[in-house]
C-alpha atoms as a PDB file:
ATOM      1  CA  MET A   1     -56.504 -73.581 114.987  1.00  0.00           C
ATOM      2  CA  GLY A   2     -55.953 -70.884 117.582  1.00  0.00           C
ATOM      3  CA  HIS A   3     -55.827 -73.183 120.585  1.00  0.00           C
ATOM      4  CA  THR A   4     -55.401 -76.866 121.301  1.00  0.00           C
ATOM      5  CA  VAL A   5     -57.872 -78.680 123.548  1.00  0.00           C
ATOM      6  CA  GLU A   6     -58.823 -82.238 124.412  1.00  0.00           C
ATOM      7  CA  TYR A   7     -62.573 -82.743 124.794  1.00  0.00           C
ATOM      8  CA  SER A   8     -64.876 -85.525 125.961  1.00  0.00           C
ATOM      9  CA  GLU A   9     -68.531 -85.818 126.982  1.00  0.00           C
ATOM     10  CA  LEU A  10     -70.798 -88.564 128.298  1.00  0.00           C
ATOM     11  CA  THR A  11     -74.361 -88.798 129.580  1.00  0.00           C
ATOM     12  CA  LEU A  12     -76.074 -91.793 131.192  1.00  0.00           C
ATOM     13  CA  GLY A  13     -79.781 -91.928 131.971  1.00  0.00           C
ATOM     14  CA  ALA A  14     -81.329 -93.173 135.195  1.00  0.00           C
ATOM     15  CA  VAL A  15     -82.213 -96.851 135.228  1.00  0.00           C
ATOM     16  CA  ASP A  16     -85.911 -96.151 135.770  1.00  0.00           C
ATOM     17  CA  GLY A  17     -86.716 -93.652 133.044  1.00  0.00           C
ATOM     18  CA  ALA A  18     -85.723 -91.561 130.041  1.00  0.00           C
ATOM     19  CA  ASN A  19     -82.575 -89.455 130.247  1.00  0.00           C
ATOM     20  CA  GLU A  20     -83.606 -85.845 130.920  1.00  0.00           C
ATOM     21  CA  ASP A  21     -79.992 -84.641 130.649  1.00  0.00           C
ATOM     22  CA  ALA A  22     -78.588 -83.424 127.349  1.00  0.00           C
ATOM     23  CA  VAL A  23     -75.042 -82.508 126.332  1.00  0.00           C
ATOM     24  CA  ALA A  24     -73.662 -80.979 123.137  1.00  0.00           C
ATOM     25  CA  HIS A  25     -70.732 -79.020 121.780  1.00  0.00           C
ATOM     26  CA  TRP A  26     -70.064 -76.860 118.741  1.00  0.00           C
ATOM     27  CA  TRP A  27     -67.165 -75.133 117.036  1.00  0.00           C
ATOM     28  CA  CYS A  28     -67.753 -71.455 116.274  1.00  0.00           C
ATOM     29  CA  ASP A  29     -64.830 -70.734 113.974  1.00  0.00           C
ATOM     30  CA  ASP A  30     -61.899 -71.721 116.217  1.00  0.00           C
ATOM     31  CA  ASP A  31     -63.858 -71.382 119.470  1.00  0.00           C
ATOM     32  CA  LEU A  32     -65.232 -74.378 121.364  1.00  0.00           C
ATOM     33  CA  VAL A  33     -68.684 -74.027 122.940  1.00  0.00           C
ATOM     34  CA  LEU A  34     -70.113 -76.757 125.191  1.00  0.00           C
ATOM     35  CA  ALA A  35     -73.440 -77.040 126.991  1.00  0.00           C
ATOM     36  CA  VAL A  36     -75.182 -79.284 129.485  1.00  0.00           C
ATOM     37  CA  ALA A  37     -78.876 -79.185 130.367  1.00  0.00           C
ATOM     38  CA  ASP A  38     -81.024 -81.094 132.863  1.00  0.00           C
ATOM     39  CA  GLY A  39     -84.739 -80.951 132.127  1.00  0.00           C
ATOM     40  CA  VAL A  40     -87.574 -80.892 134.633  1.00  0.00           C
ATOM     41  CA  GLY A  41     -91.251 -81.569 134.058  1.00  0.00           C
ATOM     42  CA  GLU A  42     -93.938 -84.225 134.156  1.00  0.00           C
ATOM     43  CA  HIS A  43     -93.772 -87.354 131.992  1.00  0.00           C
ATOM     44  CA  SER A  44     -91.345 -86.691 129.089  1.00  0.00           C
ATOM     45  CA  ALA A  45     -91.453 -82.894 129.388  1.00  0.00           C
ATOM     46  CA  GLY A  46     -88.009 -82.636 131.004  1.00  0.00           C
ATOM     47  CA  HIS A  47     -86.439 -84.591 128.179  1.00  0.00           C
ATOM     48  CA  VAL A  48     -88.123 -82.302 125.659  1.00  0.00           C
ATOM     49  CA  ALA A  49     -87.002 -79.136 127.451  1.00  0.00           C
ATOM     50  CA  SER A  50     -83.307 -80.043 127.720  1.00  0.00           C
ATOM     51  CA  GLY A  51     -83.082 -81.351 124.164  1.00  0.00           C
ATOM     52  CA  MET A  52     -84.954 -78.364 122.795  1.00  0.00           C
ATOM     53  CA  ALA A  53     -82.704 -75.894 124.606  1.00  0.00           C
ATOM     54  CA  LEU A  54     -79.565 -77.414 123.095  1.00  0.00           C
ATOM     55  CA  ASP A  55     -81.115 -77.611 119.633  1.00  0.00           C
ATOM     56  CA  ILE A  56     -81.893 -73.889 119.790  1.00  0.00           C
ATOM     57  CA  LEU A  57     -78.400 -73.096 121.040  1.00  0.00           C
ATOM     58  CA  GLY A  58     -76.886 -75.022 118.144  1.00  0.00           C
ATOM     59  CA  ARG A  59     -79.129 -73.275 115.637  1.00  0.00           C
ATOM     60  CA  GLU A  60     -78.362 -69.812 116.991  1.00  0.00           C
ATOM     61  CA  LEU A  61     -74.617 -70.392 117.254  1.00  0.00           C
ATOM     62  CA  SER A  62     -74.453 -71.741 113.692  1.00  0.00           C
ATOM     63  CA  THR A  63     -76.181 -68.647 112.294  1.00  0.00           C
ATOM     64  CA  PRO A  64     -73.514 -66.280 110.904  1.00  0.00           C
ATOM     65  CA  ARG A  65     -73.233 -63.127 113.015  1.00  0.00           C
ATOM     66  CA  PRO A  66     -70.016 -61.500 111.751  1.00  0.00           C
ATOM     67  CA  ASP A  67     -70.539 -58.303 113.745  1.00  0.00           C
ATOM     68  CA  TRP A  68     -71.257 -60.029 117.069  1.00  0.00           C
ATOM     69  CA  PRO A  69     -68.518 -61.099 119.497  1.00  0.00           C
ATOM     70  CA  LEU A  70     -68.844 -64.623 120.848  1.00  0.00           C
ATOM     71  CA  SER A  71     -70.055 -63.336 124.224  1.00  0.00           C
ATOM     72  CA  THR A  72     -73.036 -61.657 122.549  1.00  0.00           C
ATOM     73  CA  ARG A  73     -73.783 -64.740 120.452  1.00  0.00           C
ATOM     74  CA  VAL A  74     -73.849 -66.946 123.536  1.00  0.00           C
ATOM     75  CA  ARG A  75     -75.984 -64.495 125.500  1.00  0.00           C
ATOM     76  CA  ARG A  76     -78.524 -64.131 122.682  1.00  0.00           C
ATOM     77  CA  ALA A  77     -78.616 -67.894 122.101  1.00  0.00           C
ATOM     78  CA  VAL A  78     -79.453 -68.573 125.755  1.00  0.00           C
ATOM     79  CA  GLN A  79     -82.134 -65.902 125.725  1.00  0.00           C
ATOM     80  CA  ALA A  80     -83.640 -67.404 122.562  1.00  0.00           C
ATOM     81  CA  ALA A  81     -83.651 -70.851 124.164  1.00  0.00           C
ATOM     82  CA  ASN A  82     -85.461 -69.537 127.229  1.00  0.00           C
ATOM     83  CA  LEU A  83     -88.120 -67.813 125.141  1.00  0.00           C
ATOM     84  CA  GLU A  84     -88.812 -70.789 122.874  1.00  0.00           C
ATOM     85  CA  VAL A  85     -88.895 -73.372 125.676  1.00  0.00           C
ATOM     86  CA  TYR A  86     -91.277 -71.118 127.605  1.00  0.00           C
ATOM     87  CA  GLN A  87     -93.533 -70.629 124.590  1.00  0.00           C
ATOM     88  CA  LYS A  88     -93.651 -74.373 123.888  1.00  0.00           C
ATOM     89  CA  GLY A  89     -94.609 -75.082 127.489  1.00  0.00           C
ATOM     90  CA  VAL A  90     -97.387 -72.503 127.350  1.00  0.00           C
ATOM     91  CA  THR A  91     -98.889 -73.697 124.061  1.00  0.00           C
ATOM     92  CA  VAL A  92     -98.629 -77.496 124.431  1.00  0.00           C
ATOM     93  CA  PRO A  93    -100.722 -78.809 127.367  1.00  0.00           C
ATOM     94  CA  GLU A  94     -98.647 -81.981 127.765  1.00  0.00           C
ATOM     95  CA  LEU A  95     -95.516 -79.878 128.212  1.00  0.00           C
ATOM     96  CA  ARG A  96     -96.947 -77.332 130.630  1.00  0.00           C
ATOM     97  CA  ARG A  97     -94.488 -76.188 133.323  1.00  0.00           C
ATOM     98  CA  MET A  98     -91.529 -77.843 131.617  1.00  0.00           C
ATOM     99  CA  ALA A  99     -88.153 -76.183 132.140  1.00  0.00           C
ATOM    100  CA  THR A 100     -84.466 -77.032 132.156  1.00  0.00           C
ATOM    101  CA  THR A 101     -81.213 -76.050 133.748  1.00  0.00           C
ATOM    102  CA  LEU A 102     -78.533 -74.868 131.330  1.00  0.00           C
ATOM    103  CA  THR A 103     -74.823 -74.157 131.587  1.00  0.00           C
ATOM    104  CA  VAL A 104     -72.947 -73.008 128.478  1.00  0.00           C
ATOM    105  CA  THR A 105     -69.189 -72.517 128.341  1.00  0.00           C
ATOM    106  CA  ALA A 106     -67.125 -71.065 125.501  1.00  0.00           C
ATOM    107  CA  ILE A 107     -63.366 -70.776 125.051  1.00  0.00           C
ATOM    108  CA  ASP A 108     -62.697 -67.513 123.220  1.00  0.00           C
ATOM    109  CA  GLY A 109     -58.961 -67.109 122.753  1.00  0.00           C
ATOM    110  CA  ARG A 110     -57.585 -67.058 126.280  1.00  0.00           C
ATOM    111  CA  THR A 111     -60.947 -66.132 127.771  1.00  0.00           C
ATOM    112  CA  LEU A 112     -63.569 -68.354 129.350  1.00  0.00           C
ATOM    113  CA  LEU A 113     -67.163 -67.256 128.773  1.00  0.00           C
ATOM    114  CA  ALA A 114     -70.007 -68.949 130.646  1.00  0.00           C
ATOM    115  CA  ALA A 115     -73.771 -68.495 130.847  1.00  0.00           C
ATOM    116  CA  HIS A 116     -75.588 -70.327 133.615  1.00  0.00           C
ATOM    117  CA  VAL A 117     -79.109 -70.993 134.898  1.00  0.00           C
ATOM    118  CA  GLY A 118     -79.984 -73.764 137.380  1.00  0.00           C
ATOM    119  CA  ASP A 119     -77.862 -76.300 139.231  1.00  0.00           C
ATOM    120  CA  CYS A 120     -75.536 -77.831 136.680  1.00  0.00           C
ATOM    121  CA  ARG A 121     -71.991 -76.831 137.570  1.00  0.00           C
ATOM    122  CA  LEU A 122     -68.802 -75.597 135.945  1.00  0.00           C
ATOM    123  CA  TYR A 123     -65.532 -76.392 137.718  1.00  0.00           C
ATOM    124  CA  LEU A 124     -61.988 -75.246 137.031  1.00  0.00           C
ATOM    125  CA  TYR A 125     -59.112 -77.609 137.806  1.00  0.00           C
ATOM    126  CA  ARG A 126     -55.865 -75.647 138.067  1.00  0.00           C
ATOM    127  CA  GLN A 127     -52.655 -76.436 139.903  1.00  0.00           C
ATOM    128  CA  ALA A 128     -54.159 -79.450 141.685  1.00  0.00           C
ATOM    129  CA  ARG A 129     -57.166 -77.469 142.941  1.00  0.00           C
ATOM    130  CA  LEU A 130     -60.784 -77.940 141.854  1.00  0.00           C
ATOM    131  CA  THR A 131     -62.886 -74.775 142.120  1.00  0.00           C
ATOM    132  CA  GLN A 132     -66.605 -74.404 141.485  1.00  0.00           C
ATOM    133  CA  LEU A 133     -67.148 -71.379 139.234  1.00  0.00           C
ATOM    134  CA  THR A 134     -70.948 -71.337 139.035  1.00  0.00           C
ATOM    135  CA  LYS A 135     -73.569 -70.818 141.709  1.00  0.00           C
ATOM    136  CA  ASP A 136     -76.372 -73.329 142.240  1.00  0.00           C
ATOM    137  CA  HIS A 137     -79.748 -71.699 141.704  1.00  0.00           C
ATOM    138  CA  THR A 138     -81.450 -73.809 144.369  1.00  0.00           C
ATOM    139  CA  ARG A 139     -83.327 -73.070 147.569  1.00  0.00           C
ATOM    140  CA  ALA A 140     -80.667 -74.873 149.578  1.00  0.00           C
ATOM    141  CA  TRP A 141     -77.829 -72.813 148.065  1.00  0.00           C
ATOM    142  CA  GLU A 142     -79.653 -69.541 148.686  1.00  0.00           C
ATOM    143  CA  ASP A 143     -80.560 -70.474 152.265  1.00  0.00           C
ATOM    144  CA  PRO A 144     -77.927 -72.899 153.635  1.00  0.00           C
ATOM    145  CA  LEU A 145     -79.450 -72.612 157.128  1.00  0.00           C
ATOM    146  CA  ALA A 146     -82.852 -73.879 155.994  1.00  0.00           C
ATOM    147  CA  PRO A 147     -84.020 -76.879 158.045  1.00  0.00           C
ATOM    148  CA  ALA A 148     -83.816 -80.367 156.589  1.00  0.00           C
ATOM    149  CA  LEU A 149     -87.056 -81.548 155.083  1.00  0.00           C
ATOM    150  CA  ASP A 150     -86.504 -85.182 154.168  1.00  0.00           C
ATOM    151  CA  GLY A 151     -86.002 -88.380 156.151  1.00  0.00           C
ATOM    152  CA  ASN A 152     -82.282 -88.473 155.430  1.00  0.00           C
ATOM    153  CA  GLY A 153     -81.674 -85.059 156.957  1.00  0.00           C
ATOM    154  CA  SER A 154     -80.836 -83.519 153.573  1.00  0.00           C
ATOM    155  CA  ARG A 155     -82.123 -80.220 152.283  1.00  0.00           C
ATOM    156  CA  PRO A 156     -84.144 -80.391 149.065  1.00  0.00           C
ATOM    157  CA  ARG A 157     -82.443 -79.321 145.826  1.00  0.00           C
ATOM    158  CA  ALA A 158     -85.511 -77.462 144.512  1.00  0.00           C
ATOM    159  CA  LEU A 159     -84.571 -75.026 141.751  1.00  0.00           C
ATOM    160  CA  SER A 160     -84.991 -71.315 142.361  1.00  0.00           C
ATOM    161  CA  ARG A 161     -84.246 -70.447 138.729  1.00  0.00           C
ATOM    162  CA  SER A 162     -84.523 -72.406 135.484  1.00  0.00           C
ATOM    163  CA  LEU A 163     -84.698 -71.901 131.732  1.00  0.00           C
ATOM    164  CA  GLY A 164     -88.185 -71.821 130.220  1.00  0.00           C
ATOM    165  CA  HIS A 165     -90.040 -71.486 133.501  1.00  0.00           C
ATOM    166  CA  GLU A 166     -90.764 -67.797 132.960  1.00  0.00           C
ATOM    167  CA  LEU A 167     -90.831 -65.460 129.976  1.00  0.00           C
ATOM    168  CA  VAL A 168     -87.750 -63.610 131.252  1.00  0.00           C
ATOM    169  CA  VAL A 169     -85.011 -65.340 133.227  1.00  0.00           C
ATOM    170  CA  SER A 170     -81.998 -63.936 135.048  1.00  0.00           C
ATOM    171  CA  ILE A 171     -78.846 -65.495 133.591  1.00  0.00           C
ATOM    172  CA  ASP A 172     -75.466 -65.529 135.332  1.00  0.00           C
ATOM    173  CA  PHE A 173     -72.565 -64.587 133.044  1.00  0.00           C
ATOM    174  CA  LEU A 174     -68.929 -65.220 133.861  1.00  0.00           C
ATOM    175  CA  THR A 175     -65.702 -64.285 132.122  1.00  0.00           C
ATOM    176  CA  MET A 176     -62.204 -65.112 133.272  1.00  0.00           C
ATOM    177  CA  GLU A 177     -58.743 -65.607 131.872  1.00  0.00           C
ATOM    178  CA  LEU A 178     -57.603 -69.150 131.161  1.00  0.00           C
ATOM    179  CA  ALA A 179     -54.110 -70.633 131.170  1.00  0.00           C
ATOM    180  CA  ALA A 180     -52.527 -73.543 129.367  1.00  0.00           C
ATOM    181  CA  GLY A 181     -52.922 -76.671 131.475  1.00  0.00           C
ATOM    182  CA  ASP A 182     -56.336 -75.700 132.839  1.00  0.00           C
ATOM    183  CA  LEU A 183     -59.086 -78.295 132.851  1.00  0.00           C
ATOM    184  CA  LEU A 184     -62.807 -77.512 132.814  1.00  0.00           C
ATOM    185  CA  LEU A 185     -65.443 -79.899 134.145  1.00  0.00           C
ATOM    186  CA  GLN A 186     -69.080 -79.164 133.349  1.00  0.00           C
ATOM    187  CA  CYS A 187     -71.660 -81.532 134.810  1.00  0.00           C
ATOM    188  CA  SER A 188     -75.279 -82.084 135.791  1.00  0.00           C
ATOM    189  CA  ASP A 189     -76.448 -82.446 139.379  1.00  0.00           C
ATOM    190  CA  GLY A 190     -76.487 -86.218 138.946  1.00  0.00           C
ATOM    191  CA  VAL A 191     -72.686 -85.994 139.082  1.00  0.00           C
ATOM    192  CA  HIS A 192     -71.980 -83.339 141.699  1.00  0.00           C
ATOM    193  CA  ALA A 193     -74.709 -84.602 144.056  1.00  0.00           C
ATOM    194  CA  ALA A 194     -73.253 -88.112 143.950  1.00  0.00           C
ATOM    195  CA  LEU A 195     -69.525 -87.346 144.092  1.00  0.00           C
ATOM    196  CA  ARG A 196     -67.620 -85.092 146.465  1.00  0.00           C
ATOM    197  CA  GLU A 197     -65.195 -82.579 144.999  1.00  0.00           C
ATOM    198  CA  GLU A 198     -62.301 -84.610 146.403  1.00  0.00           C
ATOM    199  CA  GLU A 199     -63.415 -87.647 144.411  1.00  0.00           C
ATOM    200  CA  LEU A 200     -63.904 -85.581 141.258  1.00  0.00           C
ATOM    201  CA  ARG A 201     -60.382 -84.226 141.614  1.00  0.00           C
ATOM    202  CA  GLU A 202     -58.932 -87.693 142.138  1.00  0.00           C
ATOM    203  CA  LEU A 203     -60.633 -89.037 139.010  1.00  0.00           C
ATOM    204  CA  ILE A 204     -59.402 -86.073 136.955  1.00  0.00           C
ATOM    205  CA  GLU A 205     -55.841 -86.600 138.162  1.00  0.00           C
ATOM    206  CA  ALA A 206     -55.904 -90.366 137.650  1.00  0.00           C
ATOM    207  CA  HIS A 207     -56.905 -90.475 133.970  1.00  0.00           C
ATOM    208  CA  PRO A 208     -56.429 -88.790 130.602  1.00  0.00           C
ATOM    209  CA  THR A 209     -59.292 -86.614 129.388  1.00  0.00           C
ATOM    210  CA  GLU A 210     -61.711 -89.109 127.842  1.00  0.00           C
ATOM    211  CA  ALA A 211     -61.114 -91.789 130.458  1.00  0.00           C
ATOM    212  CA  ALA A 212     -61.562 -89.261 133.267  1.00  0.00           C
ATOM    213  CA  CYS A 213     -64.848 -88.011 131.822  1.00  0.00           C
ATOM    214  CA  HIS A 214     -66.208 -91.539 131.469  1.00  0.00           C
ATOM    215  CA  ALA A 215     -64.957 -92.529 134.922  1.00  0.00           C
ATOM    216  CA  ILE A 216     -66.711 -89.560 136.530  1.00  0.00           C
ATOM    217  CA  VAL A 217     -70.072 -90.314 134.916  1.00  0.00           C
ATOM    218  CA  ARG A 218     -69.918 -94.062 135.510  1.00  0.00           C
ATOM    219  CA  ARG A 219     -68.867 -93.596 139.128  1.00  0.00           C
ATOM    220  CA  ALA A 220     -71.749 -91.167 139.720  1.00  0.00           C
ATOM    221  CA  HIS A 221     -74.117 -93.692 138.144  1.00  0.00           C
ATOM    222  CA  GLU A 222     -72.806 -96.391 140.470  1.00  0.00           C
ATOM    223  CA  VAL A 223     -73.473 -94.180 143.497  1.00  0.00           C
ATOM    224  CA  ASP A 224     -76.959 -93.135 142.380  1.00  0.00           C
ATOM    225  CA  ALA A 225     -78.439 -94.931 139.378  1.00  0.00           C
ATOM    226  CA  GLY A 226     -81.748 -93.203 140.061  1.00  0.00           C
ATOM    227  CA  ASP A 227     -80.560 -89.918 138.561  1.00  0.00           C
ATOM    228  CA  ASP A 228     -79.204 -88.967 135.152  1.00  0.00           C
ATOM    229  CA  ALA A 229     -75.481 -88.201 135.118  1.00  0.00           C
ATOM    230  CA  SER A 230     -73.634 -86.096 132.549  1.00  0.00           C
ATOM    231  CA  ALA A 231     -70.164 -84.599 132.297  1.00  0.00           C
ATOM    232  CA  GLN A 232     -68.058 -82.655 129.830  1.00  0.00           C
ATOM    233  CA  LEU A 233     -64.310 -82.351 130.236  1.00  0.00           C
ATOM    234  CA  VAL A 234     -61.996 -79.920 128.439  1.00  0.00           C
ATOM    235  CA  ARG A 235     -58.250 -80.068 128.902  1.00  0.00           C
ATOM    236  CA  ILE A 236     -56.482 -76.998 127.535  1.00  0.00           C
ATOM    237  CA  ALA A 237     -53.056 -77.770 126.109  1.00  0.00           C
ATOM    238  CA  ALA A 238     -52.401 -74.440 124.375  1.00  0.00           C
ATOM    239  CA  LEU A 239     -54.290 -71.181 123.958  1.00  0.00           C
ATOM    240  CA  ALA A 240     -54.417 -68.495 121.311  1.00  0.00           C
ATOM    241  CA  PRO A 241     -53.446 -65.004 122.451  1.00  0.00           C
ATOM    242  CA  SER A 242     -56.265 -62.721 123.516  1.00  0.00           C
ATOM    243  CA  GLN A 243     -56.765 -59.662 125.663  1.00  0.00           C
ATOM    244  CA  ALA A 244     -56.806 -60.640 129.312  1.00  0.00           C
ATOM    245  CA  ALA A 245     -60.175 -60.662 131.027  1.00  0.00           C
ATOM    246  CA  ARG A 246     -60.968 -60.173 134.673  1.00  0.00           C
ATOM    247  CA  SER A 247     -63.397 -62.484 136.471  1.00  0.00           C
ATOM    248  CA  TRP A 248     -66.813 -60.975 137.111  1.00  0.00           C
ATOM    249  CA  TRP A 249     -70.389 -61.978 137.791  1.00  0.00           C
ATOM    250  CA  ARG A 250     -73.531 -60.064 137.102  1.00  0.00           C
END
């Protein structure tokens, strides 16, 4: 294997309903790909949307594409997921207006590839610092000066962009160079809305990979059992050589 990683994932549903989060991971040759989705919609539609998106990703990534680099495979898989979730929502009345957030991360040699829509988050823990790499596609993120609209003085976390809501969706893509010792945390909003970054960092530093992942999700569930909570943790022990990549968004 080209690189050595430790991986763990966990999702816990809210106490009052079905879990609309979904997590999955796949190996594409020697490359690890992980994804988290948080569905939205009436009744069970959110659960259908998130699960469907990850099923499509798995199908597309498992289809041999020898002439496509991993970045293209991930991009095309996310686009296929958006199209099929949208089409299902249009054709099935019970699933109308369903959608999902989606964050997909791949480790390609020494390069991190990520595709992102919605308000799940990808963090990088490096040299005792936790850094958010993705942008939240929410009204509050886009307009931080917007007035509070609820009784607790908090701004709503309404999505401004999601997978399956429209026929064509704008997807954020990120590439950056990784280093041995890096740790990646990918999580749904049920985690990052419940726990401050300081607490996330403390839990990462206090436990080995699997225990840290479970501690993060269970702690978020203790803080707010009314929301689904999901996390994926990757600790990179060694990396295969690859051409260096520079961080960029588009």
